[in-house]
Amino acid sequence: MQHYGVRDVEKMLRLPRSTIRALASAGFVTPVRGPRKALLFSFQDLIVLRAAQTLADAKVPAKRITRSLKQLRRQLPETMPLSGLSISAVGEQVVVRDGSGRRQVESGQYLLAFEGDPDNGSLSVIERAPPGVPAVQRDWFARGAALERDDPKAAAEAYGNAIAAAPERLDARLNLGRLLHESGRRQEAERVYRDAIDACGPDPLLLYNLAVLLGDLHRPREAIEAYEAALRGDPALADGHYNLALLYEKLGKPKQAIRHMSEYRRLVRRQ
């Protein structure tokens, strides 16, 4: 099994060494000891530490990250892997999402779906349409974007109207697919993404979102095909390389996993 030292994790995830060691001491990750008692982290540890990176990027204070993750570890059975949970930030609060919904870690309070900015790993388009796009199309897209938080069903209908008015509108198709995915309507989301490929071609972002969805549908080989296709269109999609590395590791293909993790490391160093 491939392992990574503290210095490797620092470079890959841009996490301070103090945070890495604090999370290890709290039992949030379980590195092994290498030569000279150096900490060595597994792929599963990297998944967990990347959640901490996401919280740090969201400007959650380091003390709150450590405190919240310690609390989360106490709340879960010892046998449950933390890497299987979706951990994100709503303001300065650490939020965990599992099969029962989304809740704040420290308070235990459950959150309404779509409160804040839930992140399932897929990407959306938020920029305005070009000036040449007719006003009715811009209005439907803008209405969908405005309604996503408070009325996702109406937002989905608005994106559908934008697509009906202009089938070539990739931005509306991307946002509709992501919204359906977040709403748990995964089969519908897949149809949206595949229809978008037929209508708009193999756009890298579209293929990336489809790959994320296929991973959540527990179809790892199809997800790998979609990630590989996305990276052929845009080799600089760092998250695509990262997700591929994890999938290849799960499928017992360490050479491919290491290759994509190395490419991920190279890309994040350039950022």
Protein backbone atom coordinates (compact mmCIF):
# COMPACT_ATOMS: atom_id res chain seq x y z
CA MET A 1 0.00 0.00 0.00
CA GLN A 2 1.27 3.47 -0.90
CA HIS A 3 1.90 5.79 2.06
CA TYR A 4 2.62 9.51 2.26
CA GLY A 5 4.70 11.40 4.77
CA VAL A 6 3.75 14.63 6.53
CA ARG A 7 5.73 16.66 4.00
CA ASP A 8 3.87 14.99 1.12
CA VAL A 9 0.51 15.78 2.74
CA GLU A 10 1.55 19.39 3.32
CA LYS A 11 2.37 19.81 -0.37
CA MET A 12 -0.64 17.94 -1.74
CA LEU A 13 -3.34 19.40 0.49
CA ARG A 14 -1.73 22.69 1.56
CA LEU A 15 -2.52 21.94 5.21
CA PRO A 16 -0.22 23.23 7.96
CA ARG A 17 1.89 20.56 9.61
CA SER A 18 0.42 21.53 12.99
CA THR A 19 -3.13 20.78 11.74
CA ILE A 20 -2.06 17.43 10.28
CA ARG A 21 -0.43 16.37 13.55
CA ALA A 22 -3.38 17.62 15.62
CA LEU A 23 -5.85 15.57 13.55
CA ALA A 24 -3.64 12.51 13.88
CA SER A 25 -3.34 13.00 17.65
CA ALA A 26 -7.12 13.34 17.92
CA GLY A 27 -7.60 10.00 16.17
CA PHE A 28 -9.28 11.59 13.17
CA VAL A 29 -6.76 9.78 10.95
CA THR A 30 -4.68 6.75 11.87
CA PRO A 31 -1.24 6.98 10.26
CA VAL A 32 1.33 4.25 10.79
CA ARG A 33 4.89 4.81 11.95
CA GLY A 34 7.72 4.55 9.45
CA PRO A 35 11.50 4.86 9.79
CA ARG A 36 12.53 7.10 12.68
CA LYS A 37 8.87 7.02 13.84
CA ALA A 38 7.78 9.29 10.98
CA LEU A 39 4.00 9.48 10.39
CA LEU A 40 2.88 7.75 7.19
CA PHE A 41 -0.64 8.33 5.81
CA SER A 42 -2.76 6.06 3.60
CA PHE A 43 -5.12 6.99 0.77
CA GLN A 44 -8.03 6.78 3.21
CA ASP A 45 -6.24 9.21 5.49
CA LEU A 46 -5.83 11.59 2.54
CA ILE A 47 -9.59 11.58 1.97
CA VAL A 48 -10.17 12.58 5.57
CA LEU A 49 -7.43 15.22 5.60
CA ARG A 50 -8.83 16.69 2.41
CA ALA A 51 -12.07 17.33 4.29
CA ALA A 52 -10.01 19.35 6.77
CA GLN A 53 -8.47 21.21 3.83
CA THR A 54 -11.96 22.07 2.58
CA LEU A 55 -12.86 23.49 5.99
CA ALA A 56 -9.63 25.48 6.14
CA ASP A 57 -10.28 26.88 2.64
CA ALA A 58 -13.75 27.92 3.85
CA LYS A 59 -12.02 30.03 6.54
CA VAL A 60 -13.18 27.85 9.44
CA PRO A 61 -10.76 28.61 12.31
CA ALA A 62 -8.19 25.87 12.95
CA LYS A 63 -9.28 25.41 16.58
CA ARG A 64 -12.89 24.90 15.50
CA ILE A 65 -11.84 22.33 12.89
CA THR A 66 -9.92 20.30 15.44
CA ARG A 67 -12.64 20.63 18.11
CA SER A 68 -15.43 19.70 15.69
CA LEU A 69 -13.60 16.71 14.28
CA LYS A 70 -12.81 15.42 17.77
CA GLN A 71 -16.50 15.72 18.60
CA LEU A 72 -17.44 13.90 15.40
CA ARG A 73 -15.10 11.05 16.25
CA ARG A 74 -16.78 10.67 19.66
CA GLN A 75 -20.23 10.59 18.06
CA LEU A 76 -19.48 7.70 15.71
CA PRO A 77 -18.90 3.98 16.27
CA GLU A 78 -15.20 3.14 16.27
CA THR A 79 -15.69 0.90 13.24
CA MET A 80 -17.22 3.62 11.05
CA PRO A 81 -14.63 5.18 8.70
CA LEU A 82 -14.75 8.95 8.78
CA SER A 83 -13.66 8.97 5.14
CA GLY A 84 -17.14 7.72 4.23
CA LEU A 85 -18.82 10.92 5.41
CA SER A 86 -19.32 14.21 3.58
CA ILE A 87 -17.88 17.03 5.71
CA SER A 88 -18.30 20.68 4.75
CA ALA A 89 -18.77 24.17 6.19
CA VAL A 90 -21.80 26.40 6.62
CA GLY A 91 -20.32 29.71 7.69
CA GLU A 92 -17.92 28.81 10.49
CA GLN A 93 -19.90 25.70 11.47
CA VAL A 94 -18.65 22.23 10.55
CA VAL A 95 -21.42 20.16 8.98
CA VAL A 96 -21.49 16.41 8.36
CA ARG A 97 -23.81 14.72 5.90
CA ASP A 98 -24.71 11.04 6.19
CA GLY A 99 -27.72 8.93 5.34
CA SER A 100 -29.89 10.66 7.94
CA GLY A 101 -29.34 14.18 6.69
CA ARG A 102 -27.04 17.10 7.46
CA ARG A 103 -26.23 18.34 10.96
CA GLN A 104 -23.85 20.63 12.76
CA VAL A 105 -21.16 18.58 14.44
CA GLU A 106 -20.82 20.54 17.68
CA SER A 107 -24.51 21.19 18.38
CA GLY A 108 -25.97 18.09 16.73
CA GLN A 109 -28.63 20.32 15.14
CA TYR A 110 -30.00 18.95 11.88
CA LEU A 111 -30.02 21.38 8.96
CA LEU A 112 -32.63 21.85 6.29
CA ALA A 113 -31.57 20.49 2.93
CA PHE A 114 -29.82 23.12 0.82
CA GLU A 115 -29.05 25.39 3.78
CA GLY A 116 -25.74 27.06 3.06
CA ASP A 117 -23.85 25.62 0.13
CA PRO A 118 -23.91 21.81 0.18
CA ASP A 119 -21.10 20.35 -1.86
CA ASN A 120 -21.36 16.90 -3.40
CA GLY A 121 -18.24 17.42 -5.45
CA SER A 122 -19.95 18.41 -8.69
CA LEU A 123 -19.59 21.88 -10.19
CA SER A 124 -22.07 24.49 -11.35
CA VAL A 125 -22.03 27.48 -13.65
CA ILE A 126 -22.98 30.79 -12.05
CA GLU A 127 -21.79 33.40 -14.54
CA ARG A 128 -24.29 35.32 -16.61
CA ALA A 129 -25.03 34.33 -20.18
CA PRO A 130 -23.22 36.28 -22.94
CA PRO A 131 -24.88 39.54 -24.06
CA GLY A 132 -26.10 37.93 -27.30
CA VAL A 133 -28.33 35.43 -25.53
CA PRO A 134 -32.02 36.41 -25.74
CA ALA A 135 -33.49 37.93 -22.60
CA VAL A 136 -36.04 35.15 -22.08
CA GLN A 137 -33.24 32.57 -21.87
CA ARG A 138 -31.21 34.72 -19.48
CA ASP A 139 -34.29 35.24 -17.33
CA TRP A 140 -35.04 31.52 -16.96
CA PHE A 141 -31.42 30.76 -16.08
CA ALA A 142 -31.26 33.63 -13.59
CA ARG A 143 -34.56 32.52 -12.04
CA GLY A 144 -33.21 29.00 -11.59
CA ALA A 145 -30.04 30.26 -9.92
CA ALA A 146 -32.03 32.54 -7.60
CA LEU A 147 -34.44 29.78 -6.52
CA GLU A 148 -31.96 26.97 -5.85
CA ARG A 149 -31.65 27.61 -2.12
CA ASP A 150 -35.30 28.23 -1.21
CA ASP A 151 -37.22 26.23 -3.83
CA PRO A 152 -35.08 23.63 -5.64
CA LYS A 153 -38.11 22.14 -7.40
CA ALA A 154 -39.00 25.50 -8.96
CA ALA A 155 -35.33 26.07 -9.77
CA ALA A 156 -35.22 22.76 -11.65
CA GLU A 157 -38.31 23.78 -13.61
CA ALA A 158 -36.71 27.12 -14.50
CA TYR A 159 -33.54 25.43 -15.74
CA GLY A 160 -35.73 23.05 -17.75
CA ASN A 161 -37.46 26.02 -19.38
CA ALA A 162 -34.07 27.57 -20.21
CA ILE A 163 -33.03 24.31 -21.88
CA ALA A 164 -36.32 24.04 -23.80
CA ALA A 165 -35.83 27.57 -25.11
CA ALA A 166 -32.22 26.88 -26.12
CA PRO A 167 -31.11 23.20 -26.13
CA GLU A 168 -27.48 24.27 -26.61
CA ARG A 169 -27.38 26.00 -23.20
CA LEU A 170 -24.76 23.89 -21.46
CA ASP A 171 -24.76 26.10 -18.36
CA ALA A 172 -28.44 25.37 -17.66
CA ARG A 173 -27.92 21.64 -18.23
CA LEU A 174 -24.95 21.59 -15.84
CA ASN A 175 -26.85 23.35 -13.09
CA LEU A 176 -29.97 21.23 -13.56
CA GLY A 177 -27.97 18.00 -13.35
CA ARG A 178 -26.15 19.14 -10.22
CA LEU A 179 -29.38 20.29 -8.58
CA LEU A 180 -31.10 16.97 -9.26
CA HIS A 181 -28.04 15.13 -7.94
CA GLU A 182 -28.09 17.15 -4.70
CA SER A 183 -31.84 16.50 -4.38
CA GLY A 184 -31.29 12.75 -4.48
CA ARG A 185 -32.88 12.42 -7.93
CA ARG A 186 -29.83 10.65 -9.29
CA GLN A 187 -31.37 8.75 -12.20
CA GLU A 188 -32.92 11.99 -13.47
CA ALA A 189 -29.57 13.74 -13.08
CA GLU A 190 -27.87 11.05 -15.15
CA ARG A 191 -30.43 11.50 -17.94
CA VAL A 192 -29.82 15.25 -17.89
CA TYR A 193 -26.05 14.80 -18.16
CA ARG A 194 -26.26 12.21 -20.94
CA ASP A 195 -28.75 14.31 -22.89
CA ALA A 196 -26.37 17.24 -22.46
CA ILE A 197 -23.51 15.21 -23.94
CA ASP A 198 -25.67 14.39 -26.96
CA ALA A 199 -26.74 18.03 -27.38
CA CYS A 200 -23.56 19.89 -26.46
CA GLY A 201 -20.73 17.42 -26.92
CA PRO A 202 -18.23 15.96 -24.43
CA ASP A 203 -17.53 19.07 -22.36
CA PRO A 204 -14.93 18.32 -19.62
CA LEU A 205 -16.96 19.88 -16.81
CA LEU A 206 -20.03 17.97 -17.90
CA LEU A 207 -18.11 14.69 -17.95
CA TYR A 208 -16.61 15.48 -14.53
CA ASN A 209 -20.07 16.01 -13.01
CA LEU A 210 -21.30 12.79 -14.61
CA ALA A 211 -18.32 10.96 -13.11
CA VAL A 212 -19.11 12.29 -9.62
CA LEU A 213 -22.70 11.13 -10.04
CA LEU A 214 -21.68 7.66 -11.26
CA GLY A 215 -19.42 7.33 -8.23
CA ASP A 216 -22.37 8.10 -5.95
CA LEU A 217 -24.40 5.50 -7.88
CA HIS A 218 -21.72 2.92 -6.97
CA ARG A 219 -20.68 2.39 -10.60
CA PRO A 220 -16.93 2.94 -10.21
CA ARG A 221 -15.81 1.60 -13.60
CA GLU A 222 -18.20 3.89 -15.47
CA ALA A 223 -17.11 6.76 -13.21
CA ILE A 224 -13.48 6.09 -14.14
CA GLU A 225 -14.35 6.17 -17.85
CA ALA A 226 -16.10 9.52 -17.40
CA TYR A 227 -13.21 11.01 -15.37
CA GLU A 228 -10.71 9.83 -17.98
CA ALA A 229 -12.79 11.40 -20.74
CA ALA A 230 -13.03 14.66 -18.79
CA LEU A 231 -9.26 14.74 -18.31
CA ARG A 232 -8.64 14.13 -22.00
CA GLY A 233 -10.57 17.34 -22.60
CA ASP A 234 -8.99 19.25 -19.70
CA PRO A 235 -5.90 17.61 -18.15
CA ALA A 236 -5.73 20.44 -15.58
CA LEU A 237 -8.86 19.30 -13.69
CA ALA A 238 -7.02 18.58 -10.45
CA ASP A 239 -10.04 17.13 -8.63
CA GLY A 240 -10.55 14.70 -11.51
CA HIS A 241 -7.06 13.30 -10.95
CA TYR A 242 -7.65 13.12 -7.18
CA ASN A 243 -10.97 11.27 -7.52
CA LEU A 244 -9.50 8.91 -10.09
CA ALA A 245 -6.64 8.06 -7.75
CA LEU A 246 -9.10 7.08 -5.04
CA LEU A 247 -11.20 4.98 -7.42
CA TYR A 248 -8.18 3.15 -8.80
CA GLU A 249 -6.97 2.48 -5.25
CA LYS A 250 -10.34 0.94 -4.35
CA LEU A 251 -10.20 -1.25 -7.46
CA GLY A 252 -6.74 -2.52 -6.54
CA LYS A 253 -4.83 -0.68 -9.28
CA PRO A 254 -2.05 1.09 -7.35
CA LYS A 255 0.02 2.11 -10.40
CA GLN A 256 -2.83 4.10 -11.90
CA ALA A 257 -3.74 5.48 -8.47
CA ILE A 258 -0.21 6.74 -7.85
CA ARG A 259 0.03 8.25 -11.33
CA HIS A 260 -3.12 10.33 -10.87
CA MET A 261 -2.25 11.31 -7.30
CA SER A 262 1.15 12.49 -8.54
CA GLU A 263 -0.53 14.57 -11.24
CA TYR A 264 -2.90 16.02 -8.63
CA ARG A 265 0.09 16.98 -6.49
CA ARG A 266 1.80 18.63 -9.46
CA LEU A 267 -1.29 20.66 -10.34
CA VAL A 268 -1.99 21.92 -6.82
CA ARG A 269 1.64 23.01 -6.41
CA ARG A 270 1.14 25.32 -9.41
CA GLN A 271 -1.97 26.97 -7.95
